[in-house]
Structures are given as structure tokens and as C-alpha cells.
Amino acid sequence: MEIKIGIGLENLVFGMYQEEIEKVMGKPDKILEEEIDNVIVCYFNDALIKTKFDKDEDLKMESIEVFNPNAYMFNQRIINKNKEEIIDLLKANGYCEIEQEDYGHFETVLCEEILREMLINCPCGR
């Protein structure tokens, strides 16, 4: 399951419509509406992924969360790597603008360069 920065995950491409994702993945196991963010969240249990679709953008996919231990990026599996290993992997592949946040019960790593690439190079064309 390859994570393609700025593109998506395997055959799932950012900007695809919810119905297009369902053609690839089948019907989701669970669907929730989040009023605060105005999104539809779909859970695909077998694949261990969660997708979000923007209701303001005709249900285009805006994010993918992957929990699958077979997910990889830059030819390396990333699930169960610690924060430092992820940061080292990003730096080894040319990403330097890395921010870390500690929320007490979990930590995040954010790379502004990847976010910019996504906005500039989004292959969705929509």
C-alpha cells in the first residue's frame, strides 16, 4: 500500500469523488457525518483506512488516514516507526520543514513542504 505524497494512497487519489472511491474500495464499513468540519468520513475496515470527503466540494476526497501495517512511503514501511524515524525518513528524502506537536496523549509530525506540494501538484484536476 504505497503512500504517494501529494497524490494519495495506492489507487486512491485526492480529489476523487466518494462514488469513485467506492468503485475502487467497495462500500465503506461505516459512514459518519462530521458537522463541525462539514465532511463525510468513511471507514474501510479490511484495508485499515479512513477517508474524508468535503461536503462543500461535492464530496471530493480531502484526506486519507492509513493504519495498515503494509503501508509504505519512500520504499519503507512506516507504521510502528517512532517519530524520530519518520523525521529521519523525511529528511533523507529532501524534506526539511518539519514541525512537531505534542498534544499530551499523541504527537504529530507535520511537513509544510509536503502540504505545499499537495496544493501545487494535486493530480485531481478538479
N, C-alpha and C. Protein backbone atom coordinates (compact mmCIF):
# COMPACT_ATOMS: atom_id res chain seq x y z
N MET A 1 0.85 -1.17 0.00
CA MET A 1 0.00 0.00 0.00
C MET A 1 0.90 1.24 0.00
N GLU A 2 1.15 1.78 -1.18
CA GLU A 2 2.09 2.90 -1.29
C GLU A 2 1.42 4.25 -1.01
N ILE A 3 2.03 4.99 -0.12
CA ILE A 3 1.62 6.37 0.13
C ILE A 3 2.36 7.23 -0.88
N LYS A 4 1.59 7.93 -1.70
CA LYS A 4 2.16 8.77 -2.74
C LYS A 4 1.95 10.23 -2.34
N ILE A 5 3.02 10.86 -1.90
CA ILE A 5 2.91 12.22 -1.38
C ILE A 5 2.29 13.15 -2.41
N GLY A 6 1.28 13.86 -1.97
CA GLY A 6 0.59 14.82 -2.83
C GLY A 6 -0.36 14.19 -3.82
N ILE A 7 -0.43 12.86 -3.85
CA ILE A 7 -1.30 12.17 -4.81
C ILE A 7 -2.37 11.37 -4.09
N GLY A 8 -1.96 10.50 -3.19
CA GLY A 8 -2.93 9.68 -2.49
C GLY A 8 -2.32 8.41 -1.94
N LEU A 9 -3.10 7.34 -1.98
CA LEU A 9 -2.70 6.05 -1.44
C LEU A 9 -3.11 4.98 -2.43
N GLU A 10 -2.11 4.26 -2.97
CA GLU A 10 -2.38 3.22 -3.97
C GLU A 10 -3.22 3.80 -5.10
N ASN A 11 -4.43 3.28 -5.30
CA ASN A 11 -5.30 3.76 -6.39
C ASN A 11 -6.25 4.87 -5.97
N LEU A 12 -6.12 5.35 -4.76
CA LEU A 12 -6.98 6.43 -4.27
C LEU A 12 -6.25 7.75 -4.45
N VAL A 13 -6.90 8.67 -5.15
CA VAL A 13 -6.28 9.94 -5.49
C VAL A 13 -7.09 11.07 -4.84
N PHE A 14 -6.37 11.99 -4.18
CA PHE A 14 -7.04 13.14 -3.60
C PHE A 14 -7.87 13.84 -4.67
N GLY A 15 -9.09 14.22 -4.32
CA GLY A 15 -9.98 14.89 -5.25
C GLY A 15 -10.96 13.95 -5.92
N MET A 16 -10.76 12.64 -5.76
CA MET A 16 -11.75 11.70 -6.29
C MET A 16 -13.05 11.89 -5.52
N TYR A 17 -14.15 11.62 -6.19
CA TYR A 17 -15.46 11.71 -5.55
C TYR A 17 -15.74 10.46 -4.73
N GLN A 18 -16.62 10.59 -3.76
CA GLN A 18 -16.95 9.48 -2.88
C GLN A 18 -17.39 8.26 -3.70
N GLU A 19 -18.19 8.45 -4.70
CA GLU A 19 -18.66 7.32 -5.51
C GLU A 19 -17.51 6.65 -6.27
N GLU A 20 -16.51 7.42 -6.69
CA GLU A 20 -15.34 6.85 -7.35
C GLU A 20 -14.52 5.99 -6.39
N ILE A 21 -14.38 6.46 -5.16
CA ILE A 21 -13.66 5.70 -4.15
C ILE A 21 -14.38 4.39 -3.88
N GLU A 22 -15.71 4.43 -3.81
CA GLU A 22 -16.48 3.22 -3.56
C GLU A 22 -16.34 2.22 -4.71
N LYS A 23 -16.14 2.68 -5.93
CA LYS A 23 -15.91 1.77 -7.05
C LYS A 23 -14.60 1.03 -6.87
N VAL A 24 -13.61 1.70 -6.28
CA VAL A 24 -12.30 1.09 -6.05
C VAL A 24 -12.31 0.22 -4.79
N MET A 25 -12.89 0.74 -3.71
CA MET A 25 -12.80 0.11 -2.40
C MET A 25 -14.02 -0.73 -2.02
N GLY A 26 -15.13 -0.53 -2.72
CA GLY A 26 -16.38 -1.13 -2.28
C GLY A 26 -17.07 -0.21 -1.29
N LYS A 27 -18.20 -0.63 -0.80
CA LYS A 27 -18.94 0.18 0.18
C LYS A 27 -18.16 0.25 1.49
N PRO A 28 -18.13 1.42 2.11
CA PRO A 28 -17.43 1.53 3.40
C PRO A 28 -18.17 0.74 4.48
N ASP A 29 -17.41 0.33 5.49
CA ASP A 29 -18.00 -0.39 6.61
C ASP A 29 -18.78 0.54 7.53
N LYS A 30 -18.38 1.80 7.54
CA LYS A 30 -19.03 2.77 8.42
C LYS A 30 -18.93 4.14 7.77
N ILE A 31 -20.00 4.93 7.86
CA ILE A 31 -20.02 6.30 7.33
C ILE A 31 -20.53 7.22 8.44
N LEU A 32 -19.81 8.29 8.68
CA LEU A 32 -20.21 9.29 9.67
C LEU A 32 -20.20 10.67 9.04
N GLU A 33 -21.10 11.53 9.51
CA GLU A 33 -21.08 12.93 9.09
C GLU A 33 -20.52 13.75 10.25
N GLU A 34 -19.53 14.57 9.94
CA GLU A 34 -18.97 15.48 10.95
C GLU A 34 -19.41 16.89 10.59
N GLU A 35 -20.34 17.40 11.36
CA GLU A 35 -20.91 18.72 11.08
C GLU A 35 -19.89 19.83 11.28
N ILE A 36 -19.00 19.68 12.27
CA ILE A 36 -18.04 20.74 12.57
C ILE A 36 -17.14 21.02 11.37
N ASP A 37 -16.61 19.96 10.77
CA ASP A 37 -15.71 20.12 9.62
C ASP A 37 -16.44 20.03 8.29
N ASN A 38 -17.76 19.74 8.33
CA ASN A 38 -18.58 19.61 7.14
C ASN A 38 -18.04 18.55 6.18
N VAL A 39 -17.74 17.38 6.74
CA VAL A 39 -17.20 16.27 5.95
C VAL A 39 -17.99 14.99 6.20
N ILE A 40 -17.84 14.07 5.26
CA ILE A 40 -18.32 12.69 5.41
C ILE A 40 -17.07 11.84 5.62
N VAL A 41 -17.09 10.98 6.64
CA VAL A 41 -15.97 10.12 6.95
C VAL A 41 -16.37 8.68 6.65
N CYS A 42 -15.54 7.99 5.87
CA CYS A 42 -15.79 6.60 5.52
C CYS A 42 -14.68 5.71 6.05
N TYR A 43 -15.07 4.63 6.68
CA TYR A 43 -14.12 3.67 7.23
C TYR A 43 -14.15 2.39 6.39
N PHE A 44 -12.97 1.95 5.97
CA PHE A 44 -12.82 0.71 5.23
C PHE A 44 -11.98 -0.22 6.11
N ASN A 45 -12.67 -1.06 6.87
CA ASN A 45 -12.01 -1.85 7.91
C ASN A 45 -10.98 -2.83 7.37
N ASP A 46 -11.29 -3.54 6.29
CA ASP A 46 -10.34 -4.54 5.77
C ASP A 46 -9.02 -3.90 5.33
N ALA A 47 -9.10 -2.72 4.73
CA ALA A 47 -7.90 -2.02 4.25
C ALA A 47 -7.23 -1.21 5.35
N LEU A 48 -7.94 -1.03 6.47
CA LEU A 48 -7.45 -0.22 7.59
C LEU A 48 -7.17 1.22 7.15
N ILE A 49 -8.15 1.81 6.45
CA ILE A 49 -8.04 3.23 6.07
C ILE A 49 -9.34 3.97 6.38
N LYS A 50 -9.18 5.28 6.52
CA LYS A 50 -10.30 6.18 6.76
C LYS A 50 -10.16 7.32 5.75
N THR A 51 -11.24 7.64 5.07
CA THR A 51 -11.22 8.73 4.10
C THR A 51 -12.20 9.82 4.53
N LYS A 52 -11.89 11.06 4.15
CA LYS A 52 -12.79 12.17 4.43
C LYS A 52 -13.14 12.86 3.12
N PHE A 53 -14.43 13.20 3.00
CA PHE A 53 -14.94 13.85 1.80
C PHE A 53 -15.56 15.18 2.18
N ASP A 54 -15.19 16.22 1.45
CA ASP A 54 -15.64 17.59 1.72
C ASP A 54 -17.04 17.80 1.15
N LYS A 55 -18.00 18.08 2.03
CA LYS A 55 -19.38 18.31 1.59
C LYS A 55 -19.51 19.60 0.79
N ASP A 56 -18.62 20.57 1.04
CA ASP A 56 -18.65 21.83 0.30
C ASP A 56 -18.07 21.69 -1.10
N GLU A 57 -17.39 20.58 -1.37
CA GLU A 57 -16.73 20.35 -2.67
C GLU A 57 -17.33 19.12 -3.37
N ASP A 58 -18.63 18.95 -3.25
CA ASP A 58 -19.34 17.85 -3.93
C ASP A 58 -18.79 16.48 -3.56
N LEU A 59 -18.37 16.33 -2.31
CA LEU A 59 -17.86 15.07 -1.77
C LEU A 59 -16.60 14.58 -2.46
N LYS A 60 -15.65 15.50 -2.65
CA LYS A 60 -14.32 15.12 -3.12
C LYS A 60 -13.48 14.70 -1.92
N MET A 61 -12.64 13.68 -2.11
CA MET A 61 -11.81 13.20 -1.02
C MET A 61 -10.73 14.23 -0.70
N GLU A 62 -10.66 14.59 0.59
CA GLU A 62 -9.68 15.58 1.01
C GLU A 62 -8.58 15.00 1.88
N SER A 63 -8.82 13.82 2.47
CA SER A 63 -7.77 13.24 3.29
C SER A 63 -7.94 11.72 3.39
N ILE A 64 -6.81 11.08 3.68
CA ILE A 64 -6.76 9.64 3.89
C ILE A 64 -5.93 9.41 5.15
N GLU A 65 -6.44 8.59 6.03
CA GLU A 65 -5.66 8.14 7.17
C GLU A 65 -5.46 6.65 6.99
N VAL A 66 -4.23 6.21 7.15
CA VAL A 66 -3.93 4.80 6.95
C VAL A 66 -3.37 4.20 8.23
N PHE A 67 -3.90 3.04 8.59
CA PHE A 67 -3.47 2.32 9.79
C PHE A 67 -2.93 0.94 9.42
N ASN A 68 -2.81 0.69 8.15
CA ASN A 68 -2.41 -0.60 7.62
C ASN A 68 -0.91 -0.80 7.80
N PRO A 69 -0.49 -1.88 8.45
CA PRO A 69 0.94 -2.10 8.67
C PRO A 69 1.73 -2.32 7.38
N ASN A 70 1.04 -2.55 6.27
CA ASN A 70 1.72 -2.73 4.99
C ASN A 70 1.91 -1.41 4.23
N ALA A 71 1.46 -0.31 4.81
CA ALA A 71 1.64 1.00 4.17
C ALA A 71 3.11 1.36 4.13
N TYR A 72 3.53 1.90 3.00
CA TYR A 72 4.93 2.31 2.90
C TYR A 72 5.05 3.64 2.14
N MET A 73 6.16 4.31 2.41
CA MET A 73 6.48 5.59 1.79
C MET A 73 7.99 5.60 1.60
N PHE A 74 8.46 6.04 0.44
CA PHE A 74 9.89 6.03 0.14
C PHE A 74 10.47 4.62 0.31
N ASN A 75 9.70 3.62 -0.12
CA ASN A 75 10.11 2.21 -0.08
C ASN A 75 10.35 1.67 1.33
N GLN A 76 9.76 2.31 2.34
CA GLN A 76 9.89 1.83 3.71
C GLN A 76 8.52 1.80 4.37
N ARG A 77 8.27 0.72 5.10
CA ARG A 77 7.04 0.67 5.90
C ARG A 77 7.13 1.74 6.98
N ILE A 78 6.00 2.39 7.24
CA ILE A 78 6.05 3.50 8.19
C ILE A 78 5.25 3.26 9.47
N ILE A 79 4.29 2.37 9.43
CA ILE A 79 3.52 2.09 10.64
C ILE A 79 4.45 1.45 11.66
N ASN A 80 4.33 1.89 12.88
CA ASN A 80 5.15 1.44 14.02
C ASN A 80 6.55 2.03 14.04
N LYS A 81 6.85 2.94 13.13
CA LYS A 81 8.12 3.68 13.26
C LYS A 81 7.91 4.77 14.30
N ASN A 82 8.94 5.08 15.04
CA ASN A 82 8.78 6.16 16.01
C ASN A 82 8.95 7.51 15.30
N LYS A 83 8.64 8.54 16.01
CA LYS A 83 8.66 9.90 15.45
C LYS A 83 10.01 10.25 14.85
N GLU A 84 11.09 9.91 15.53
CA GLU A 84 12.42 10.24 15.03
C GLU A 84 12.72 9.52 13.72
N GLU A 85 12.27 8.27 13.61
CA GLU A 85 12.48 7.51 12.37
C GLU A 85 11.73 8.14 11.20
N ILE A 86 10.52 8.62 11.45
CA ILE A 86 9.73 9.29 10.41
C ILE A 86 10.42 10.59 9.99
N ILE A 87 10.88 11.35 10.95
CA ILE A 87 11.57 12.61 10.65
C ILE A 87 12.84 12.32 9.85
N ASP A 88 13.60 11.32 10.24
CA ASP A 88 14.81 10.95 9.50
C ASP A 88 14.47 10.52 8.07
N LEU A 89 13.39 9.77 7.90
CA LEU A 89 12.97 9.33 6.57
C LEU A 89 12.60 10.53 5.70
N LEU A 90 11.86 11.48 6.26
CA LEU A 90 11.50 12.68 5.51
C LEU A 90 12.75 13.47 5.12
N LYS A 91 13.65 13.67 6.06
CA LYS A 91 14.88 14.43 5.78
C LYS A 91 15.73 13.73 4.73
N ALA A 92 15.82 12.40 4.80
CA ALA A 92 16.61 11.64 3.82
C ALA A 92 16.04 11.76 2.42
N ASN A 93 14.77 12.16 2.33
CA ASN A 93 14.13 12.31 1.02
C ASN A 93 13.89 13.77 0.66
N GLY A 94 14.66 14.66 1.30
CA GLY A 94 14.68 16.06 0.91
C GLY A 94 13.69 16.98 1.58
N TYR A 95 12.99 16.51 2.60
CA TYR A 95 12.02 17.35 3.30
C TYR A 95 12.64 17.84 4.60
N CYS A 96 12.68 19.16 4.77
CA CYS A 96 13.37 19.73 5.93
C CYS A 96 12.46 20.56 6.84
N GLU A 97 11.37 21.09 6.31
CA GLU A 97 10.48 21.95 7.10
C GLU A 97 9.52 21.08 7.89
N ILE A 98 9.98 20.55 9.00
CA ILE A 98 9.22 19.60 9.79
C ILE A 98 8.88 20.20 11.14
N GLU A 99 7.60 20.16 11.48
CA GLU A 99 7.13 20.66 12.77
C GLU A 99 6.58 19.50 13.58
N GLN A 100 6.72 19.61 14.90
CA GLN A 100 6.20 18.58 15.79
C GLN A 100 5.26 19.23 16.79
N GLU A 101 4.18 18.52 17.11
CA GLU A 101 3.23 19.00 18.10
C GLU A 101 3.01 17.88 19.11
N ASP A 102 2.97 18.22 20.38
CA ASP A 102 2.68 17.26 21.44
C ASP A 102 1.35 17.64 22.07
N TYR A 103 0.36 16.76 21.90
CA TYR A 103 -0.98 17.00 22.43
C TYR A 103 -1.23 16.25 23.73
N GLY A 104 -0.20 15.75 24.35
CA GLY A 104 -0.34 15.01 25.60
C GLY A 104 -0.56 13.54 25.37
N HIS A 105 -1.67 13.18 24.75
CA HIS A 105 -1.96 11.76 24.53
C HIS A 105 -1.54 11.27 23.15
N PHE A 106 -1.09 12.18 22.28
CA PHE A 106 -0.49 11.79 21.00
C PHE A 106 0.36 12.94 20.48
N GLU A 107 1.26 12.60 19.55
CA GLU A 107 2.14 13.60 18.94
C GLU A 107 1.95 13.56 17.42
N THR A 108 2.19 14.68 16.78
CA THR A 108 2.10 14.73 15.32
C THR A 108 3.39 15.26 14.72
N VAL A 109 3.61 14.89 13.47
CA VAL A 109 4.71 15.41 12.68
C VAL A 109 4.07 16.02 11.44
N LEU A 110 4.37 17.27 11.15
CA LEU A 110 3.79 17.97 10.02
C LEU A 110 4.93 18.52 9.16
N CYS A 111 4.79 18.32 7.86
CA CYS A 111 5.80 18.81 6.94
C CYS A 111 5.15 19.80 5.97
N GLU A 112 5.47 21.07 6.14
CA GLU A 112 4.89 22.12 5.31
C GLU A 112 5.21 21.94 3.83
N GLU A 113 6.40 21.43 3.52
CA GLU A 113 6.78 21.23 2.12
C GLU A 113 5.84 20.24 1.44
N ILE A 114 5.44 19.21 2.14
CA ILE A 114 4.52 18.23 1.57
C ILE A 114 3.16 18.88 1.35
N LEU A 115 2.70 19.67 2.30
CA LEU A 115 1.42 20.36 2.12
C LEU A 115 1.45 21.28 0.91
N ARG A 116 2.55 22.00 0.73
CA ARG A 116 2.67 22.88 -0.45
C ARG A 116 2.66 22.06 -1.74
N GLU A 117 3.39 20.96 -1.75
CA GLU A 117 3.41 20.09 -2.94
C GLU A 117 2.02 19.60 -3.28
N MET A 118 1.27 19.24 -2.26
CA MET A 118 -0.08 18.75 -2.48
C MET A 118 -0.94 19.82 -3.13
N LEU A 119 -0.83 21.03 -2.65
CA LEU A 119 -1.65 22.11 -3.20
C LEU A 119 -1.23 22.48 -4.63
N ILE A 120 0.05 22.44 -4.91
CA ILE A 120 0.55 22.83 -6.23
C ILE A 120 0.38 21.70 -7.25
N ASN A 121 0.69 20.48 -6.84
CA ASN A 121 0.77 19.37 -7.78
C ASN A 121 -0.40 18.41 -7.72
N CYS A 122 -1.49 18.77 -7.08
CA CYS A 122 -2.61 17.84 -6.94
C CYS A 122 -3.02 17.31 -8.30
N PRO A 123 -2.97 15.98 -8.49
CA PRO A 123 -3.29 15.39 -9.78
C PRO A 123 -4.78 15.30 -10.06
N CYS A 124 -5.60 15.73 -9.12
CA CYS A 124 -7.04 15.51 -9.28
C CYS A 124 -7.62 16.32 -10.42
N GLY A 125 -7.05 17.47 -10.73
CA GLY A 125 -7.52 18.28 -11.84
C GLY A 125 -8.95 18.73 -11.71
N ARG A 126 -9.41 18.83 -10.47
CA ARG A 126 -10.82 19.19 -10.26
C ARG A 126 -10.94 20.47 -9.48
